[in-house]
N, C-alpha and C. Protein backbone atom coordinates (compact mmCIF):
# COMPACT_ATOMS: atom_id res chain seq x y z
N MET A 1 0.39 -1.08 -0.32
CA MET A 1 0.19 0.06 -0.25
C MET A 1 0.60 1.62 0.25
N PHE A 2 1.94 1.39 0.82
CA PHE A 2 3.03 2.41 0.61
C PHE A 2 4.18 2.28 0.03
N GLN A 3 4.32 1.71 -0.81
CA GLN A 3 5.65 1.10 -1.16
C GLN A 3 5.65 2.09 -2.30
N GLY A 4 6.87 2.55 -1.84
CA GLY A 4 7.58 3.71 -3.11
C GLY A 4 7.26 5.09 -2.47
N SER A 5 6.20 5.56 -1.66
CA SER A 5 5.50 6.66 -1.26
C SER A 5 6.98 7.45 -0.30
N SER A 6 6.84 8.68 -0.30
CA SER A 6 7.12 9.26 0.40
C SER A 6 6.86 10.87 0.83
N ASN A 7 7.26 11.34 1.42
CA ASN A 7 6.80 12.46 2.42
C ASN A 7 5.42 12.62 1.81
N PHE A 8 4.18 12.10 2.44
CA PHE A 8 2.90 12.05 2.39
C PHE A 8 1.99 12.22 3.94
N LYS A 9 1.53 12.85 3.84
CA LYS A 9 0.76 13.75 5.22
C LYS A 9 -0.81 12.32 5.62
N ALA A 10 -1.01 11.76 6.54
CA ALA A 10 -2.31 11.40 6.21
C ALA A 10 -3.05 11.87 7.39
N LYS A 11 -4.86 12.52 7.05
CA LYS A 11 -5.48 13.16 8.63
C LYS A 11 -6.99 13.02 8.36
N ASN A 12 -6.56 12.35 9.94
CA ASN A 12 -8.58 12.03 9.65
C ASN A 12 -8.80 10.47 8.94
N ASN A 13 -7.44 9.56 9.12
CA ASN A 13 -7.96 8.46 8.66
C ASN A 13 -6.99 6.99 9.72
N THR A 14 -8.16 6.26 9.82
CA THR A 14 -8.01 4.85 10.63
C THR A 14 -7.07 4.28 9.75
N PHE A 15 -6.17 3.07 10.30
CA PHE A 15 -5.16 2.47 9.58
C PHE A 15 -5.18 1.29 10.57
N ILE A 16 -5.84 0.11 9.55
CA ILE A 16 -6.10 -1.36 10.34
C ILE A 16 -4.99 -2.31 9.46
N ASP A 17 -4.70 -3.24 10.36
CA ASP A 17 -3.85 -3.82 10.14
C ASP A 17 -4.15 -5.22 10.29
N GLU A 18 -4.25 -5.80 8.76
CA GLU A 18 -5.15 -7.58 9.10
C GLU A 18 -3.79 -8.32 8.28
N TYR A 19 -3.63 -9.47 8.34
CA TYR A 19 -2.55 -10.56 7.75
C TYR A 19 -3.16 -11.28 8.40
N THR A 20 -2.98 -12.36 7.10
CA THR A 20 -3.56 -13.85 7.61
C THR A 20 -1.47 -15.02 7.04
N ASN A 21 -1.12 -14.69 8.19
CA ASN A 21 0.35 -15.49 7.33
C ASN A 21 1.35 -15.23 6.11
N THR A 22 1.57 -13.78 5.97
CA THR A 22 1.81 -13.33 5.18
C THR A 22 2.87 -12.50 5.87
N ASN A 23 4.51 -12.37 4.69
CA ASN A 23 5.58 -12.04 5.40
C ASN A 23 5.94 -10.53 4.67
N ASN A 24 5.20 -9.62 5.26
CA ASN A 24 5.04 -8.37 4.55
C ASN A 24 6.26 -7.52 5.81
N THR A 25 7.03 -6.54 5.06
CA THR A 25 8.18 -5.38 5.01
C THR A 25 7.66 -4.25 5.46
N THR A 26 7.14 -3.42 5.86
CA THR A 26 6.58 -1.82 5.69
C THR A 26 7.46 -0.88 6.27
N ASN A 27 8.41 -0.28 5.97
CA ASN A 27 9.15 0.46 6.64
C ASN A 27 8.35 1.92 6.45
N ILE A 28 7.67 2.54 7.64
CA ILE A 28 7.20 4.18 7.48
C ILE A 28 7.63 4.90 8.94
N THR A 29 8.50 5.92 7.83
CA THR A 29 9.30 6.98 8.63
C THR A 29 7.94 8.40 8.28
N ASN A 30 8.59 9.02 9.66
CA ASN A 30 8.26 10.16 9.57
C ASN A 30 6.88 10.33 9.65
N ILE A 31 6.18 9.82 10.47
CA ILE A 31 4.48 9.75 10.13
C ILE A 31 3.90 10.74 11.60
N GLN A 32 3.70 12.12 11.48
CA GLN A 32 3.00 12.83 12.33
C GLN A 32 1.55 12.75 12.82
N ASN A 33 1.05 12.68 13.97
CA ASN A 33 -0.10 12.53 14.25
C ASN A 33 -0.59 13.52 15.32
N GLU A 34 -1.32 14.08 14.73
CA GLU A 34 -1.99 15.18 15.22
C GLU A 34 -3.09 15.19 15.55
N THR A 35 -3.21 15.23 17.18
CA THR A 35 -4.88 15.01 17.77
C THR A 35 -4.62 16.18 18.38
N HIS A 36 -5.88 16.80 18.00
CA HIS A 36 -6.36 17.62 18.86
C HIS A 36 -7.02 17.70 20.23
N THR A 37 -7.36 18.01 21.20
CA THR A 37 -8.33 17.50 21.41
C THR A 37 -9.40 18.66 22.59
N TYR A 38 -10.43 19.13 22.31
CA TYR A 38 -10.37 20.46 23.10
C TYR A 38 -11.53 19.70 24.43
N ARG A 39 -10.77 20.71 25.58
CA ARG A 39 -12.13 19.96 26.94
C ARG A 39 -12.54 21.10 27.29
N LYS A 40 -13.62 20.96 28.10
CA LYS A 40 -14.42 22.16 28.29
C LYS A 40 -13.20 22.30 30.20
N TYR A 41 -13.34 23.29 30.28
CA TYR A 41 -12.40 23.31 32.11
C TYR A 41 -10.94 22.89 32.04
N ARG A 42 -10.22 23.45 30.93
CA ARG A 42 -8.57 23.35 31.17
C ARG A 42 -7.95 23.70 32.29
N GLY A 43 -8.22 25.31 31.79
CA GLY A 43 -8.13 25.62 33.58
C GLY A 43 -7.82 25.06 34.04
N ILE A 44 -9.40 24.42 34.93
CA ILE A 44 -9.27 23.30 36.00
C ILE A 44 -8.47 22.65 35.87
N ASP A 45 -8.59 22.20 34.81
CA ASP A 45 -7.20 20.86 35.09
C ASP A 45 -6.01 21.12 35.37
N MET A 46 -5.54 22.59 34.92
CA MET A 46 -4.36 22.97 35.27
C MET A 46 -4.15 23.49 36.61
N LEU A 47 -5.54 23.59 37.44
CA LEU A 47 -5.48 24.31 38.66
C LEU A 47 -5.48 22.46 39.50
N LEU A 48 -6.34 21.47 38.77
CA LEU A 48 -5.60 20.05 39.22
C LEU A 48 -4.01 19.73 39.34
N LYS A 49 -3.68 20.39 38.56
CA LYS A 49 -2.16 19.84 38.73
C LYS A 49 -1.17 20.73 39.35
N ALA A 50 -1.65 21.93 39.88
CA ALA A 50 -1.24 22.76 40.71
C ALA A 50 -1.67 22.58 42.13
N SER A 51 -2.24 21.52 42.06
CA SER A 51 -3.07 21.56 43.40
C SER A 51 -2.24 19.79 44.56
N THR A 52 -2.71 20.21 45.40
CA THR A 52 -2.23 18.56 46.84
C THR A 52 -2.66 17.78 47.43
N PRO A 53 -3.96 16.85 45.87
CA PRO A 53 -4.84 16.30 46.35
C PRO A 53 -4.45 15.25 47.84
N GLU A 54 -3.14 14.85 47.90
CA GLU A 54 -2.84 14.03 48.75
C GLU A 54 -3.45 14.85 50.20
N ALA A 55 -3.09 16.10 50.21
CA ALA A 55 -3.44 17.23 51.78
C ALA A 55 -5.19 17.06 52.26
N LEU A 56 -5.86 16.59 51.11
CA LEU A 56 -7.23 16.85 51.72
C LEU A 56 -7.91 15.33 52.73
N HIS A 57 -8.85 16.23 53.32
CA HIS A 57 -9.19 15.05 54.19
C HIS A 57 -9.29 13.52 54.19
N ASP A 58 -9.93 13.66 52.99
CA ASP A 58 -10.58 12.51 52.81
C ASP A 58 -9.78 11.70 52.20
N SER A 59 -8.39 12.04 51.70
CA SER A 59 -7.98 11.34 50.40
C SER A 59 -6.91 9.90 50.96
N SER A 60 -6.63 9.59 50.58
CA SER A 60 -6.32 7.92 50.53
C SER A 60 -4.72 8.08 51.76
N GLU A 61 -4.54 9.44 50.93
CA GLU A 61 -2.44 9.26 52.23
C GLU A 61 -2.80 10.11 53.07
N CYS A 62 -3.68 10.77 53.43
CA CYS A 62 -3.84 11.98 54.69
C CYS A 62 -4.15 10.82 55.54
N ASN A 63 -4.96 10.29 55.45
CA ASN A 63 -5.66 9.02 56.21
C ASN A 63 -5.43 9.41 58.06
N LYS A 64 -5.64 10.84 58.56
CA LYS A 64 -5.47 10.75 59.71
C LYS A 64 -6.25 10.33 60.25
N PRO A 65 -5.75 9.71 61.57
CA PRO A 65 -6.86 9.15 62.79
C PRO A 65 -8.14 10.58 63.40
N GLY A 66 -8.98 10.33 63.72
CA GLY A 66 -10.16 11.47 64.06
C GLY A 66 -9.57 10.97 65.41
N CYS A 67 -10.56 12.35 67.03
CA CYS A 67 -10.30 12.14 67.97
C CYS A 67 -10.99 10.88 68.74
N PHE A 68 -10.45 10.47 69.81
CA PHE A 68 -11.31 9.25 70.50
C PHE A 68 -12.37 10.02 71.02
N GLU A 69 -13.55 8.82 70.97
CA GLU A 69 -14.72 9.22 71.34
C GLU A 69 -14.83 9.77 73.08
N GLY A 70 -15.56 11.19 72.97
CA GLY A 70 -15.41 11.74 74.20
C GLY A 70 -14.14 13.04 74.56
N THR A 71 -13.64 12.28 73.48
CA THR A 71 -12.22 13.68 73.56
C THR A 71 -12.73 14.64 72.60
N ARG A 72 -12.21 15.47 73.53
CA ARG A 72 -12.08 17.20 72.35
C ARG A 72 -13.63 17.69 71.73
N ASP A 73 -14.54 17.07 72.78
CA ASP A 73 -15.93 17.75 72.09
C ASP A 73 -16.19 18.47 72.51
N GLU A 74 -15.69 19.89 73.43
CA GLU A 74 -16.43 20.92 73.16
C GLU A 74 -15.17 22.17 71.68
N TYR A 75 -14.41 21.42 71.83
CA TYR A 75 -13.85 21.91 70.52
C TYR A 75 -15.10 21.47 69.38
N ILE A 76 -14.68 20.42 69.21
CA ILE A 76 -15.77 20.19 68.12
C ILE A 76 -16.94 20.44 67.99
N ARG A 77 -17.71 19.82 68.92
CA ARG A 77 -18.58 21.05 68.94
C ARG A 77 -18.95 22.74 68.46
N ASN A 78 -17.85 23.63 68.92
CA ASN A 78 -17.94 24.62 68.50
C ASN A 78 -17.36 25.18 66.89
N ILE A 79 -16.24 24.38 66.59
CA ILE A 79 -15.91 24.36 65.08
C ILE A 79 -17.18 24.02 63.98
N THR A 80 -17.39 22.62 64.07
CA THR A 80 -18.92 22.18 63.49
C THR A 80 -19.90 23.15 63.68
N GLY A 81 -20.50 23.75 64.66
CA GLY A 81 -21.71 24.83 65.10
C GLY A 81 -21.03 25.72 64.20
N TRP A 82 -19.87 26.44 64.00
CA TRP A 82 -19.12 27.25 63.12
C TRP A 82 -19.21 27.17 61.67
N GLY A 83 -19.23 26.26 61.56
CA GLY A 83 -19.34 25.46 60.09
C GLY A 83 -20.77 25.41 59.83
N ARG A 84 -21.46 25.06 60.69
CA ARG A 84 -22.91 24.90 60.16
C ARG A 84 -23.85 26.57 60.07
N GLY A 85 -22.76 27.46 61.28
CA GLY A 85 -23.38 28.99 60.67
C GLY A 85 -24.14 29.08 62.32
N ASP A 86 -24.24 28.54 63.28
CA ASP A 86 -24.92 28.20 64.00
C ASP A 86 -24.35 28.31 65.86
N TRP A 87 -22.78 29.50 65.63
CA TRP A 87 -21.77 29.24 66.53
C TRP A 87 -21.89 30.56 67.14
N LYS A 88 -21.80 31.05 68.54
CA LYS A 88 -21.82 32.54 68.27
C LYS A 88 -20.59 33.85 67.72
N ALA A 89 -19.44 33.14 66.79
CA ALA A 89 -18.67 33.94 66.77
C ALA A 89 -18.93 33.05 64.72
N ARG A 90 -19.64 33.29 64.12
CA ARG A 90 -20.13 32.84 62.91
C ARG A 90 -19.99 34.11 62.05
N GLN A 91 -19.48 35.33 62.52
CA GLN A 91 -19.66 36.14 61.52
C GLN A 91 -18.20 35.82 60.64
N ALA A 92 -17.18 35.43 61.86
CA ALA A 92 -16.02 35.45 61.33
C ALA A 92 -16.37 34.03 60.10
N ARG A 93 -15.45 34.05 59.03
CA ARG A 93 -15.47 33.74 57.60
C ARG A 93 -14.41 32.78 57.48
N VAL A 94 -12.96 32.49 58.38
CA VAL A 94 -12.34 31.80 58.56
C VAL A 94 -12.13 31.31 59.75
N LEU A 95 -12.12 30.10 60.30
CA LEU A 95 -11.42 29.43 61.34
C LEU A 95 -10.32 29.34 61.16
N TRP A 96 -9.07 29.38 62.23
CA TRP A 96 -8.15 29.29 62.57
C TRP A 96 -7.81 28.26 63.42
N LEU A 97 -7.57 27.15 63.20
CA LEU A 97 -6.80 26.00 64.57
C LEU A 97 -5.26 26.20 64.39
N GLU A 98 -5.13 26.37 65.84
CA GLU A 98 -3.54 26.61 66.03
C GLU A 98 -3.49 26.39 67.67
N GLY A 99 -1.92 25.68 67.16
CA GLY A 99 -0.93 25.29 68.84
C GLY A 99 -0.11 24.67 68.83
N PRO A 100 0.48 23.75 69.86
CA PRO A 100 1.57 23.51 69.27
C PRO A 100 2.20 22.33 69.03
N ALA A 101 2.76 21.66 68.19
CA ALA A 101 3.26 20.10 67.58
C ALA A 101 2.62 19.66 69.03
N GLY A 102 1.82 18.37 68.35
CA GLY A 102 1.25 17.10 68.99
C GLY A 102 -0.07 17.22 69.80
N VAL A 103 -0.94 18.81 69.75
CA VAL A 103 -1.76 18.70 70.83
C VAL A 103 -3.30 17.89 70.70
N GLY A 104 -3.27 17.56 69.46
CA GLY A 104 -4.42 16.87 68.51
C GLY A 104 -5.20 17.93 67.35
N LYS A 105 -4.13 18.94 66.69
CA LYS A 105 -4.83 19.77 66.17
C LYS A 105 -5.48 19.02 64.68
N SER A 106 -4.77 17.98 64.31
CA SER A 106 -5.34 17.14 63.13
C SER A 106 -6.17 16.34 63.32
N ALA A 107 -6.05 15.74 64.45
CA ALA A 107 -7.07 14.42 64.90
C ALA A 107 -8.31 15.34 65.30
N VAL A 108 -8.31 16.88 65.97
CA VAL A 108 -9.17 17.86 65.43
C VAL A 108 -11.10 17.84 64.60
N ALA A 109 -9.21 18.44 63.83
CA ALA A 109 -9.44 18.77 62.06
C ALA A 109 -10.74 17.42 61.31
N GLN A 110 -9.47 16.68 61.41
CA GLN A 110 -9.99 15.22 60.95
C GLN A 110 -11.69 15.08 61.15
N THR A 111 -11.51 14.88 62.10
CA THR A 111 -13.19 14.90 63.24
C THR A 111 -14.50 15.44 62.24
N CYS A 112 -13.67 16.84 62.35
CA CYS A 112 -14.73 18.12 62.37
C CYS A 112 -14.68 18.35 61.51
N ALA A 113 -13.84 17.31 60.07
CA ALA A 113 -14.40 17.29 58.59
C ALA A 113 -15.30 16.14 58.38
N GLN A 114 -14.44 15.04 58.90
CA GLN A 114 -15.88 14.06 58.10
C GLN A 114 -17.53 14.66 59.19
N ASP A 115 -17.50 15.12 60.54
CA ASP A 115 -18.85 15.80 61.06
C ASP A 115 -19.49 16.26 60.06
N MET A 116 -19.28 17.16 59.58
CA MET A 116 -19.06 18.25 58.35
C MET A 116 -19.61 17.52 57.13
N GLY A 117 -19.65 16.72 56.53
CA GLY A 117 -19.81 15.95 55.80
C GLY A 117 -19.97 17.15 54.37
N THR A 118 -21.19 16.73 53.79
CA THR A 118 -21.17 17.75 52.26
C THR A 118 -21.80 19.19 52.75
N ARG A 119 -21.20 19.38 53.79
CA ARG A 119 -21.53 20.98 54.10
C ARG A 119 -19.83 21.34 54.13
N LEU A 120 -19.18 20.50 54.57
CA LEU A 120 -17.70 20.40 54.20
C LEU A 120 -17.18 21.76 53.00
N GLY A 121 -16.67 22.73 52.76
CA GLY A 121 -16.18 23.61 51.82
C GLY A 121 -14.79 22.79 50.63
N ALA A 122 -13.79 22.85 51.51
CA ALA A 122 -12.65 22.74 51.65
C ALA A 122 -11.30 21.94 52.46
N THR A 123 -10.69 21.84 52.39
CA THR A 123 -9.72 21.05 53.82
C THR A 123 -8.39 20.92 52.80
N PHE A 124 -7.19 21.36 54.17
CA PHE A 124 -5.45 21.62 53.69
C PHE A 124 -4.90 20.75 54.55
N PHE A 125 -4.62 19.16 54.83
CA PHE A 125 -3.87 18.89 56.08
C PHE A 125 -2.43 19.36 55.22
N PHE A 126 -1.77 20.37 56.64
CA PHE A 126 -0.47 20.86 55.73
C PHE A 126 0.50 19.98 56.73
N SER A 127 1.70 19.30 56.30
CA SER A 127 2.53 18.21 56.84
C SER A 127 3.94 18.63 56.26
N ARG A 128 5.04 18.91 56.89
CA ARG A 128 6.50 19.10 56.97
C ARG A 128 6.48 17.39 56.81
N HIS A 129 6.43 16.56 57.38
CA HIS A 129 6.76 15.48 57.23
C HIS A 129 6.48 14.27 55.97
N ASN A 130 5.54 15.22 54.62
CA ASN A 130 4.79 14.35 53.66
C ASN A 130 5.18 15.57 52.37
N GLY A 131 5.77 16.55 52.62
CA GLY A 131 5.59 17.32 52.28
C GLY A 131 4.78 19.02 51.39
N TRP A 132 3.29 17.90 52.11
CA TRP A 132 2.75 19.00 51.93
C TRP A 132 2.02 20.57 52.67
N ASN A 133 3.19 21.62 52.63
CA ASN A 133 3.56 22.86 53.43
C ASN A 133 3.86 23.23 52.82
N LYS A 134 3.90 23.34 51.29
CA LYS A 134 4.56 24.13 50.19
C LYS A 134 2.94 25.82 50.56
N PRO A 135 3.06 26.89 50.34
CA PRO A 135 2.45 27.43 50.18
C PRO A 135 1.75 27.53 48.94
N THR A 136 2.63 27.65 47.65
CA THR A 136 1.91 27.87 46.88
C THR A 136 0.82 26.85 46.20
N LYS A 137 0.69 25.63 47.12
CA LYS A 137 -0.03 24.37 46.53
C LYS A 137 -1.44 24.57 47.49
N PHE A 138 -1.41 25.40 48.78
CA PHE A 138 -2.71 25.46 49.48
C PHE A 138 -3.64 25.87 48.73
N LEU A 139 -3.91 27.46 48.29
CA LEU A 139 -4.67 27.81 46.98
C LEU A 139 -5.45 27.36 46.20
N PRO A 140 -4.69 26.46 45.67
CA PRO A 140 -4.93 25.74 43.99
C PRO A 140 -5.97 24.66 44.56
N THR A 141 -5.22 24.27 45.26
CA THR A 141 -5.50 22.80 46.71
C THR A 141 -7.27 23.14 47.16
N ILE A 142 -7.40 24.71 47.66
CA ILE A 142 -8.99 24.96 48.29
C ILE A 142 -9.59 25.10 47.35
N VAL A 143 -9.27 26.06 46.20
CA VAL A 143 -10.08 26.71 45.06
C VAL A 143 -10.68 25.21 44.45
N TYR A 144 -9.44 24.29 43.65
CA TYR A 144 -9.93 23.00 42.81
C TYR A 144 -11.60 22.38 43.50
N GLN A 145 -11.40 22.10 45.42
CA GLN A 145 -12.34 21.42 45.54
C GLN A 145 -13.68 22.17 46.08
N LEU A 146 -13.20 23.55 45.57
CA LEU A 146 -14.14 24.44 45.63
C LEU A 146 -15.22 24.21 44.17
N THR A 147 -14.54 24.08 43.38
CA THR A 147 -15.15 24.05 41.61
C THR A 147 -16.03 22.75 42.02
N THR A 148 -15.24 21.55 42.56
CA THR A 148 -15.74 20.83 42.31
C THR A 148 -17.62 20.38 42.59
N LYS A 149 -17.89 21.31 44.00
CA LYS A 149 -18.59 21.79 44.59
C LYS A 149 -20.05 22.69 43.90
N TYR A 150 -19.73 23.63 43.47
CA TYR A 150 -20.50 24.96 43.21
C TYR A 150 -19.79 25.01 41.32
N PRO A 151 -20.70 25.18 40.20
CA PRO A 151 -20.84 24.46 39.29
C PRO A 151 -20.47 26.27 38.75
N ALA A 152 -21.21 27.37 39.24
CA ALA A 152 -21.20 28.85 38.74
C ALA A 152 -19.49 29.40 39.21
N TYR A 153 -19.32 28.45 40.14
CA TYR A 153 -17.72 29.02 40.23
C TYR A 153 -16.68 28.22 39.38
N ARG A 154 -17.33 27.66 39.08
CA ARG A 154 -16.34 25.90 38.73
C ARG A 154 -15.63 26.94 36.98
N ASP A 155 -16.79 27.45 36.64
CA ASP A 155 -16.72 28.63 35.11
C ASP A 155 -15.73 29.59 35.46
N TYR A 156 -16.42 30.12 36.38
CA TYR A 156 -15.52 31.33 36.60
C TYR A 156 -14.03 31.22 37.10
N ILE A 157 -13.48 30.35 37.86
CA ILE A 157 -11.79 30.22 37.64
C ILE A 157 -11.67 29.54 36.81
N ASP A 158 -12.11 28.32 36.10
CA ASP A 158 -11.78 28.40 34.88
C ASP A 158 -11.49 29.26 33.63
N ALA A 159 -12.03 30.53 33.75
CA ALA A 159 -11.78 31.73 33.06
C ALA A 159 -10.55 32.32 33.11
N ILE A 160 -10.39 32.46 34.76
CA ILE A 160 -9.27 32.77 35.04
C ILE A 160 -7.77 32.08 35.15
N VAL A 161 -8.01 31.34 35.40
CA VAL A 161 -6.88 30.47 34.97
C VAL A 161 -6.03 30.60 33.29
N LEU A 162 -7.69 30.58 32.68
CA LEU A 162 -6.90 30.60 31.05
C LEU A 162 -6.71 31.44 30.75
N ARG A 163 -6.96 32.63 31.26
CA ARG A 163 -6.45 34.19 31.12
C ARG A 163 -4.87 34.46 31.59
N ASP A 164 -4.90 33.78 32.79
CA ASP A 164 -3.36 33.79 33.46
C ASP A 164 -3.08 32.54 33.91
N PRO A 165 -2.73 31.67 33.25
CA PRO A 165 -2.01 30.21 33.93
C PRO A 165 -0.89 30.66 35.38
N LEU A 166 0.10 31.74 34.65
CA LEU A 166 0.75 31.76 35.96
C LEU A 166 0.07 32.32 37.55
N ILE A 167 -1.03 32.29 37.39
CA ILE A 167 -2.02 33.10 38.58
C ILE A 167 -1.55 32.02 39.87
N LEU A 168 -1.24 30.64 38.94
CA LEU A 168 -1.23 29.57 39.66
C LEU A 168 0.03 29.75 40.83
N GLU A 169 1.30 30.27 39.71
CA GLU A 169 2.72 30.37 40.84
C GLU A 169 2.55 31.36 41.34
N LYS A 170 1.66 32.27 41.49
CA LYS A 170 2.08 33.34 42.30
C LYS A 170 1.85 33.25 43.59
N SER A 171 2.58 33.93 44.58
CA SER A 171 2.47 33.89 46.46
C SER A 171 1.03 34.61 46.45
N ILE A 172 0.66 33.91 47.59
CA ILE A 172 -0.67 34.06 48.70
C ILE A 172 -0.85 35.72 48.31
């Protein structure tokens, strides 16, 4: 079929090689395969690549243990109450959980994240040990999670990232 051919292009073709015990050898060189896939949400794909999915509370790699039954109940009640909007400090848009190493912040946060279920917006578990402590990964990870929950937000963020892909590399 291609004997003596040179410098040709084949576009939008399907080649099927069928044979029945024949010994034909064909050398084909310089074939260019041009495939263009246009996907919706290319900006969201870029956002995902810039994020750290391992740092999510429900990722298989994070797998942090929650609090033991009956421990830290007041903290958990206050935090999940804030998340539901029924806590006295509900006017605060961000809840910051802080404390010295080893006091159980991750366990409290994990328990609260599990308790909040579908009301949970997004999570990021920082970890020096696992390398999940890069500030440039925090916002893309949070924003990506929000785009999976809110379709209108997804369209907006997709357009922003496509307009300026370097936004994913900028400092907070």
